[in-house]
């Protein structure tokens, strides 16, 4: 059974850092694009970043460029999202997802994790 399991969320002060992890299992996700999305209360699920396992191409939302870094560790089938200089507006549930092609909209992703809460206090 395909699984994406996120971890690493928590409460942090503005300006702080967190690193989210997404462990992939149950199918060969190596052929997929891995993405991070986030959803704040009452808002839509927004694209944050994505990466290809092969070649490491990365994409970022404008709101996180220069602050967040996505990466993979193919040996352990894990995707990371390093988040620096966090702001209160980064507060959301962060989801890991997998898509067959490069995509920045949630509907194009086929597999989803359960999400991990990130809260940034001012």
N, C-alpha and C. Protein backbone atom coordinates (compact mmCIF):
# COMPACT_ATOMS: atom_id res chain seq x y z
N UNK A 1 0.85 -1.19 0.00
CA UNK A 1 0.00 0.00 0.00
C UNK A 1 0.88 1.24 0.00
N UNK A 2 0.52 2.18 -0.89
CA UNK A 2 1.32 3.41 -0.98
C UNK A 2 1.12 4.26 0.27
N UNK A 3 2.23 4.78 0.75
CA UNK A 3 2.14 5.65 1.92
C UNK A 3 3.12 6.79 1.83
N UNK A 4 2.65 7.95 2.22
CA UNK A 4 3.51 9.12 2.40
C UNK A 4 3.28 9.59 3.83
N UNK A 5 4.33 9.59 4.61
CA UNK A 5 4.20 9.93 6.02
C UNK A 5 5.07 11.13 6.34
N UNK A 6 4.41 12.23 6.72
CA UNK A 6 5.13 13.46 7.05
C UNK A 6 5.48 13.49 8.54
N UNK A 7 6.52 14.21 8.84
CA UNK A 7 6.91 14.46 10.23
C UNK A 7 7.73 15.74 10.27
N UNK A 8 7.94 16.25 11.48
CA UNK A 8 8.80 17.40 11.65
C UNK A 8 8.09 18.72 11.91
N UNK A 9 6.77 18.71 11.89
CA UNK A 9 6.05 19.94 12.17
C UNK A 9 6.15 20.31 13.64
N UNK A 10 5.67 21.50 13.98
CA UNK A 10 5.70 21.93 15.36
C UNK A 10 5.45 23.41 15.49
N UNK A 11 5.74 23.91 16.69
CA UNK A 11 5.57 25.33 16.99
C UNK A 11 6.94 25.99 17.02
N UNK A 12 7.07 27.11 16.33
CA UNK A 12 8.34 27.82 16.26
C UNK A 12 8.07 29.32 16.25
N UNK A 13 9.02 30.08 16.77
CA UNK A 13 8.87 31.53 16.72
C UNK A 13 9.23 32.07 15.35
N UNK A 14 8.69 33.22 15.04
CA UNK A 14 9.02 33.88 13.77
C UNK A 14 10.54 34.04 13.66
N UNK A 15 11.04 33.76 12.47
CA UNK A 15 12.48 33.80 12.23
C UNK A 15 13.17 32.48 12.44
N UNK A 16 12.47 31.53 13.02
CA UNK A 16 13.04 30.22 13.29
C UNK A 16 12.99 29.29 12.09
N UNK A 17 13.40 28.05 12.32
CA UNK A 17 13.49 27.05 11.26
C UNK A 17 12.85 25.74 11.68
N UNK A 18 12.38 25.01 10.69
CA UNK A 18 11.90 23.64 10.87
C UNK A 18 12.29 22.86 9.64
N UNK A 19 12.46 21.55 9.80
CA UNK A 19 12.66 20.68 8.66
C UNK A 19 11.59 19.60 8.67
N UNK A 20 10.81 19.58 7.60
CA UNK A 20 9.79 18.56 7.43
C UNK A 20 10.37 17.39 6.64
N UNK A 21 9.90 16.19 6.99
CA UNK A 21 10.30 14.99 6.27
C UNK A 21 9.06 14.28 5.74
N UNK A 22 9.22 13.61 4.62
CA UNK A 22 8.15 12.82 4.03
C UNK A 22 8.76 11.49 3.60
N UNK A 23 8.39 10.43 4.31
CA UNK A 23 8.88 9.10 3.99
C UNK A 23 7.90 8.41 3.05
N UNK A 24 8.41 7.98 1.90
CA UNK A 24 7.58 7.34 0.89
C UNK A 24 7.80 5.83 0.90
N UNK A 25 6.70 5.07 0.80
CA UNK A 25 6.82 3.62 0.80
C UNK A 25 5.65 2.99 0.04
N UNK A 26 5.81 1.74 -0.34
CA UNK A 26 4.70 0.98 -0.89
C UNK A 26 4.62 0.95 -2.41
N UNK A 27 5.38 1.77 -3.09
CA UNK A 27 5.40 1.75 -4.56
C UNK A 27 6.67 2.48 -5.00
N UNK A 28 7.03 2.33 -6.28
CA UNK A 28 8.24 3.01 -6.76
C UNK A 28 7.99 4.49 -7.03
N UNK A 29 7.98 5.29 -5.99
CA UNK A 29 7.77 6.72 -6.16
C UNK A 29 8.94 7.38 -6.88
N UNK A 30 9.99 6.63 -7.17
CA UNK A 30 11.15 7.23 -7.84
C UNK A 30 10.79 7.81 -9.20
N UNK A 31 9.69 7.35 -9.80
CA UNK A 31 9.27 7.89 -11.09
C UNK A 31 8.33 9.08 -10.95
N UNK A 32 8.06 9.49 -9.74
CA UNK A 32 7.11 10.55 -9.48
C UNK A 32 7.81 11.86 -9.12
N UNK A 33 7.03 12.93 -9.25
CA UNK A 33 7.41 14.23 -8.74
C UNK A 33 6.87 14.32 -7.32
N UNK A 34 7.69 14.77 -6.39
CA UNK A 34 7.27 14.89 -5.00
C UNK A 34 7.05 16.36 -4.67
N UNK A 35 5.92 16.65 -4.08
CA UNK A 35 5.57 18.03 -3.80
C UNK A 35 5.20 18.26 -2.34
N UNK A 36 5.30 19.51 -1.95
CA UNK A 36 4.80 19.97 -0.65
C UNK A 36 3.72 21.03 -0.90
N UNK A 37 2.63 20.87 -0.20
CA UNK A 37 1.54 21.84 -0.23
C UNK A 37 1.25 22.26 1.20
N UNK A 38 0.50 23.35 1.35
CA UNK A 38 0.08 23.75 2.68
C UNK A 38 -1.33 24.32 2.63
N UNK A 39 -2.00 24.16 3.75
CA UNK A 39 -3.38 24.63 3.83
C UNK A 39 -3.62 25.27 5.18
N UNK A 40 -3.94 26.55 5.16
CA UNK A 40 -4.28 27.29 6.36
C UNK A 40 -5.79 27.20 6.57
N UNK A 41 -6.26 27.41 7.79
CA UNK A 41 -7.70 27.31 8.06
C UNK A 41 -8.51 28.24 7.16
N UNK A 42 -9.53 27.68 6.53
CA UNK A 42 -10.41 28.47 5.68
C UNK A 42 -9.84 28.82 4.33
N UNK A 43 -8.67 28.28 4.00
CA UNK A 43 -8.05 28.60 2.71
C UNK A 43 -7.84 27.34 1.88
N UNK A 44 -7.52 27.56 0.62
CA UNK A 44 -7.27 26.43 -0.27
C UNK A 44 -5.90 25.83 0.00
N UNK A 45 -5.70 24.64 -0.51
CA UNK A 45 -4.41 23.97 -0.40
C UNK A 45 -3.48 24.54 -1.47
N UNK A 46 -2.42 25.16 -1.03
CA UNK A 46 -1.53 25.88 -1.93
C UNK A 46 -0.21 25.15 -2.16
N UNK A 47 0.29 25.27 -3.36
CA UNK A 47 1.59 24.70 -3.73
C UNK A 47 2.69 25.43 -2.97
N UNK A 48 3.66 24.66 -2.50
CA UNK A 48 4.83 25.22 -1.84
C UNK A 48 6.09 24.95 -2.66
N UNK A 49 6.29 23.66 -2.99
CA UNK A 49 7.52 23.29 -3.69
C UNK A 49 7.37 21.89 -4.25
N UNK A 50 8.18 21.57 -5.26
CA UNK A 50 8.23 20.19 -5.74
C UNK A 50 9.61 19.88 -6.30
N UNK A 51 9.88 18.58 -6.42
CA UNK A 51 11.20 18.13 -6.85
C UNK A 51 11.05 16.81 -7.56
N UNK A 52 11.92 16.57 -8.53
CA UNK A 52 11.96 15.26 -9.17
C UNK A 52 13.03 14.42 -8.50
N UNK A 53 12.71 13.15 -8.27
CA UNK A 53 13.71 12.26 -7.69
C UNK A 53 14.91 12.17 -8.63
N UNK A 54 14.61 12.11 -9.93
CA UNK A 54 15.68 11.98 -10.92
C UNK A 54 16.08 13.37 -11.40
N UNK A 55 17.28 13.73 -11.20
CA UNK A 55 17.78 15.00 -11.71
C UNK A 55 17.66 16.15 -10.74
N UNK A 56 16.75 16.01 -9.74
CA UNK A 56 16.68 17.01 -8.69
C UNK A 56 16.17 18.37 -9.08
N UNK A 57 15.41 18.48 -10.19
CA UNK A 57 14.84 19.79 -10.55
C UNK A 57 13.90 20.22 -9.44
N UNK A 58 13.96 21.49 -9.09
CA UNK A 58 13.14 22.02 -8.01
C UNK A 58 12.32 23.21 -8.46
N UNK A 59 11.18 23.37 -7.82
CA UNK A 59 10.27 24.48 -8.10
C UNK A 59 9.74 25.00 -6.77
N UNK A 60 9.53 26.31 -6.70
CA UNK A 60 9.06 26.93 -5.46
C UNK A 60 7.98 27.96 -5.74
N UNK A 61 7.06 28.08 -4.79
CA UNK A 61 6.13 29.20 -4.82
C UNK A 61 6.91 30.48 -4.53
N UNK A 62 6.46 31.58 -5.10
CA UNK A 62 7.17 32.85 -4.89
C UNK A 62 7.26 33.21 -3.41
N UNK A 63 6.23 32.84 -2.65
CA UNK A 63 6.17 33.22 -1.24
C UNK A 63 7.24 32.54 -0.38
N UNK A 64 7.85 31.47 -0.89
CA UNK A 64 8.84 30.75 -0.08
C UNK A 64 10.23 30.75 -0.71
N UNK A 65 10.37 31.29 -1.90
CA UNK A 65 11.67 31.31 -2.55
C UNK A 65 12.70 32.02 -1.69
N UNK A 66 13.86 31.40 -1.59
CA UNK A 66 14.93 31.99 -0.79
C UNK A 66 14.86 31.64 0.68
N UNK A 67 13.74 31.06 1.13
CA UNK A 67 13.58 30.69 2.54
C UNK A 67 13.46 29.18 2.72
N UNK A 68 12.80 28.51 1.78
CA UNK A 68 12.56 27.07 1.86
C UNK A 68 13.43 26.36 0.85
N UNK A 69 13.86 25.15 1.22
CA UNK A 69 14.65 24.32 0.30
C UNK A 69 14.11 22.90 0.34
N UNK A 70 13.80 22.37 -0.84
CA UNK A 70 13.33 20.99 -0.96
C UNK A 70 14.49 20.12 -1.40
N UNK A 71 14.52 18.90 -0.88
CA UNK A 71 15.60 17.98 -1.25
C UNK A 71 15.11 16.55 -1.07
N UNK A 72 15.88 15.61 -1.61
CA UNK A 72 15.53 14.20 -1.47
C UNK A 72 16.75 13.41 -1.00
N UNK A 73 16.45 12.30 -0.34
CA UNK A 73 17.47 11.31 -0.02
C UNK A 73 16.96 10.01 -0.62
N UNK A 74 17.43 9.70 -1.82
CA UNK A 74 16.92 8.53 -2.54
C UNK A 74 17.20 7.22 -1.80
N UNK A 75 18.26 7.19 -1.03
CA UNK A 75 18.63 5.97 -0.32
C UNK A 75 17.57 5.56 0.70
N UNK A 76 16.87 6.55 1.24
CA UNK A 76 15.86 6.25 2.26
C UNK A 76 14.46 6.70 1.81
N UNK A 77 14.32 6.99 0.51
CA UNK A 77 13.01 7.37 -0.06
C UNK A 77 12.33 8.46 0.76
N UNK A 78 13.07 9.50 1.05
CA UNK A 78 12.54 10.58 1.87
C UNK A 78 12.75 11.92 1.19
N UNK A 79 11.73 12.75 1.29
CA UNK A 79 11.77 14.12 0.77
C UNK A 79 11.76 15.06 1.97
N UNK A 80 12.56 16.11 1.88
CA UNK A 80 12.66 17.06 2.97
C UNK A 80 12.23 18.45 2.50
N UNK A 81 11.75 19.22 3.46
CA UNK A 81 11.49 20.64 3.22
C UNK A 81 12.12 21.41 4.37
N UNK A 82 13.25 22.03 4.09
CA UNK A 82 13.91 22.87 5.08
C UNK A 82 13.30 24.26 5.01
N UNK A 83 12.76 24.71 6.13
CA UNK A 83 12.07 25.99 6.17
C UNK A 83 12.82 26.93 7.12
N UNK A 84 13.35 28.00 6.57
CA UNK A 84 14.08 28.99 7.35
C UNK A 84 13.34 30.33 7.33
N UNK A 85 13.72 31.19 8.24
CA UNK A 85 13.11 32.54 8.31
C UNK A 85 11.59 32.45 8.30
N UNK A 86 11.07 31.58 9.12
CA UNK A 86 9.62 31.36 9.13
C UNK A 86 8.86 32.59 9.60
N UNK A 87 7.68 32.74 9.02
CA UNK A 87 6.80 33.88 9.30
C UNK A 87 5.46 33.37 9.80
N UNK A 88 4.72 34.18 10.54
CA UNK A 88 3.40 33.74 11.00
C UNK A 88 2.50 33.30 9.84
N UNK A 89 2.63 33.90 8.70
CA UNK A 89 1.80 33.53 7.54
C UNK A 89 2.17 32.17 6.95
N UNK A 90 3.26 31.57 7.43
CA UNK A 90 3.61 30.21 7.02
C UNK A 90 2.84 29.17 7.81
N UNK A 91 2.10 29.60 8.82
CA UNK A 91 1.31 28.68 9.64
C UNK A 91 0.27 27.96 8.79
N UNK A 92 0.29 26.63 8.84
CA UNK A 92 -0.61 25.81 8.03
C UNK A 92 -0.35 24.34 8.33
N UNK A 93 -1.22 23.50 7.80
CA UNK A 93 -0.92 22.07 7.74
C UNK A 93 -0.15 21.85 6.44
N UNK A 94 0.97 21.18 6.54
CA UNK A 94 1.83 20.91 5.39
C UNK A 94 1.65 19.46 4.96
N UNK A 95 1.41 19.29 3.66
CA UNK A 95 1.16 17.98 3.10
C UNK A 95 2.24 17.62 2.09
N UNK A 96 2.63 16.36 2.11
CA UNK A 96 3.50 15.80 1.10
C UNK A 96 2.62 15.09 0.07
N UNK A 97 3.00 15.15 -1.20
CA UNK A 97 2.20 14.54 -2.24
C UNK A 97 3.09 14.06 -3.39
N UNK A 98 2.53 13.18 -4.22
CA UNK A 98 3.28 12.65 -5.36
C UNK A 98 2.43 12.77 -6.62
N UNK A 99 3.08 13.17 -7.71
CA UNK A 99 2.41 13.34 -8.99
C UNK A 99 3.24 12.69 -10.10
N UNK A 100 2.59 12.25 -11.18
CA UNK A 100 3.34 11.62 -12.26
C UNK A 100 4.18 12.59 -13.08
N UNK A 101 3.82 13.87 -13.04
CA UNK A 101 4.55 14.88 -13.80
C UNK A 101 4.71 16.15 -12.95
N UNK A 102 5.58 17.04 -13.42
CA UNK A 102 5.74 18.33 -12.73
C UNK A 102 4.38 19.02 -12.67
N UNK A 103 3.99 19.47 -11.48
CA UNK A 103 2.69 20.10 -11.31
C UNK A 103 2.71 21.01 -10.10
N UNK A 104 1.91 22.07 -10.17
CA UNK A 104 1.82 23.02 -9.06
C UNK A 104 0.40 23.17 -8.54
N UNK A 105 -0.52 22.33 -9.00
CA UNK A 105 -1.88 22.37 -8.50
C UNK A 105 -2.19 21.05 -7.82
N UNK A 106 -2.97 21.13 -6.73
CA UNK A 106 -3.23 19.95 -5.91
C UNK A 106 -3.93 18.84 -6.68
N UNK A 107 -4.80 19.20 -7.61
CA UNK A 107 -5.59 18.18 -8.29
C UNK A 107 -4.73 17.27 -9.17
N UNK A 108 -3.51 17.68 -9.47
CA UNK A 108 -2.63 16.86 -10.31
C UNK A 108 -1.80 15.86 -9.51
N UNK A 109 -1.96 15.88 -8.21
CA UNK A 109 -1.21 14.96 -7.35
C UNK A 109 -2.10 13.78 -6.97
N UNK A 110 -1.54 12.58 -7.09
CA UNK A 110 -2.34 11.36 -6.92
C UNK A 110 -2.29 10.81 -5.50
N UNK A 111 -1.19 11.03 -4.83
CA UNK A 111 -0.99 10.44 -3.50
C UNK A 111 -0.69 11.55 -2.51
N UNK A 112 -1.25 11.39 -1.29
CA UNK A 112 -1.12 12.42 -0.28
C UNK A 112 -0.79 11.80 1.07
N UNK A 113 -0.02 12.55 1.85
CA UNK A 113 0.19 12.18 3.24
C UNK A 113 -0.92 12.76 4.10
N UNK A 114 -0.82 12.51 5.40
CA UNK A 114 -1.86 12.94 6.33
C UNK A 114 -1.68 14.37 6.80
N UNK A 115 -0.51 14.94 6.55
CA UNK A 115 -0.25 16.33 6.92
C UNK A 115 0.44 16.47 8.27
N UNK A 116 1.16 17.56 8.42
CA UNK A 116 1.82 17.87 9.68
C UNK A 116 1.65 19.37 9.94
N UNK A 117 1.29 19.70 11.18
CA UNK A 117 0.98 21.09 11.52
C UNK A 117 2.26 21.88 11.76
N UNK A 118 2.31 23.05 11.15
CA UNK A 118 3.39 24.02 11.40
C UNK A 118 2.74 25.29 11.91
N UNK A 119 3.17 25.73 13.06
CA UNK A 119 2.64 26.95 13.66
C UNK A 119 3.80 27.89 13.96
N UNK A 120 3.70 29.11 13.42
CA UNK A 120 4.75 30.11 13.62
C UNK A 120 4.16 31.25 14.44
N UNK A 121 4.72 31.47 15.60
CA UNK A 121 4.22 32.53 16.48
C UNK A 121 4.98 33.82 16.24
N UNK A 122 4.28 34.93 16.43
CA UNK A 122 4.90 36.25 16.19
C UNK A 122 5.58 36.77 17.43
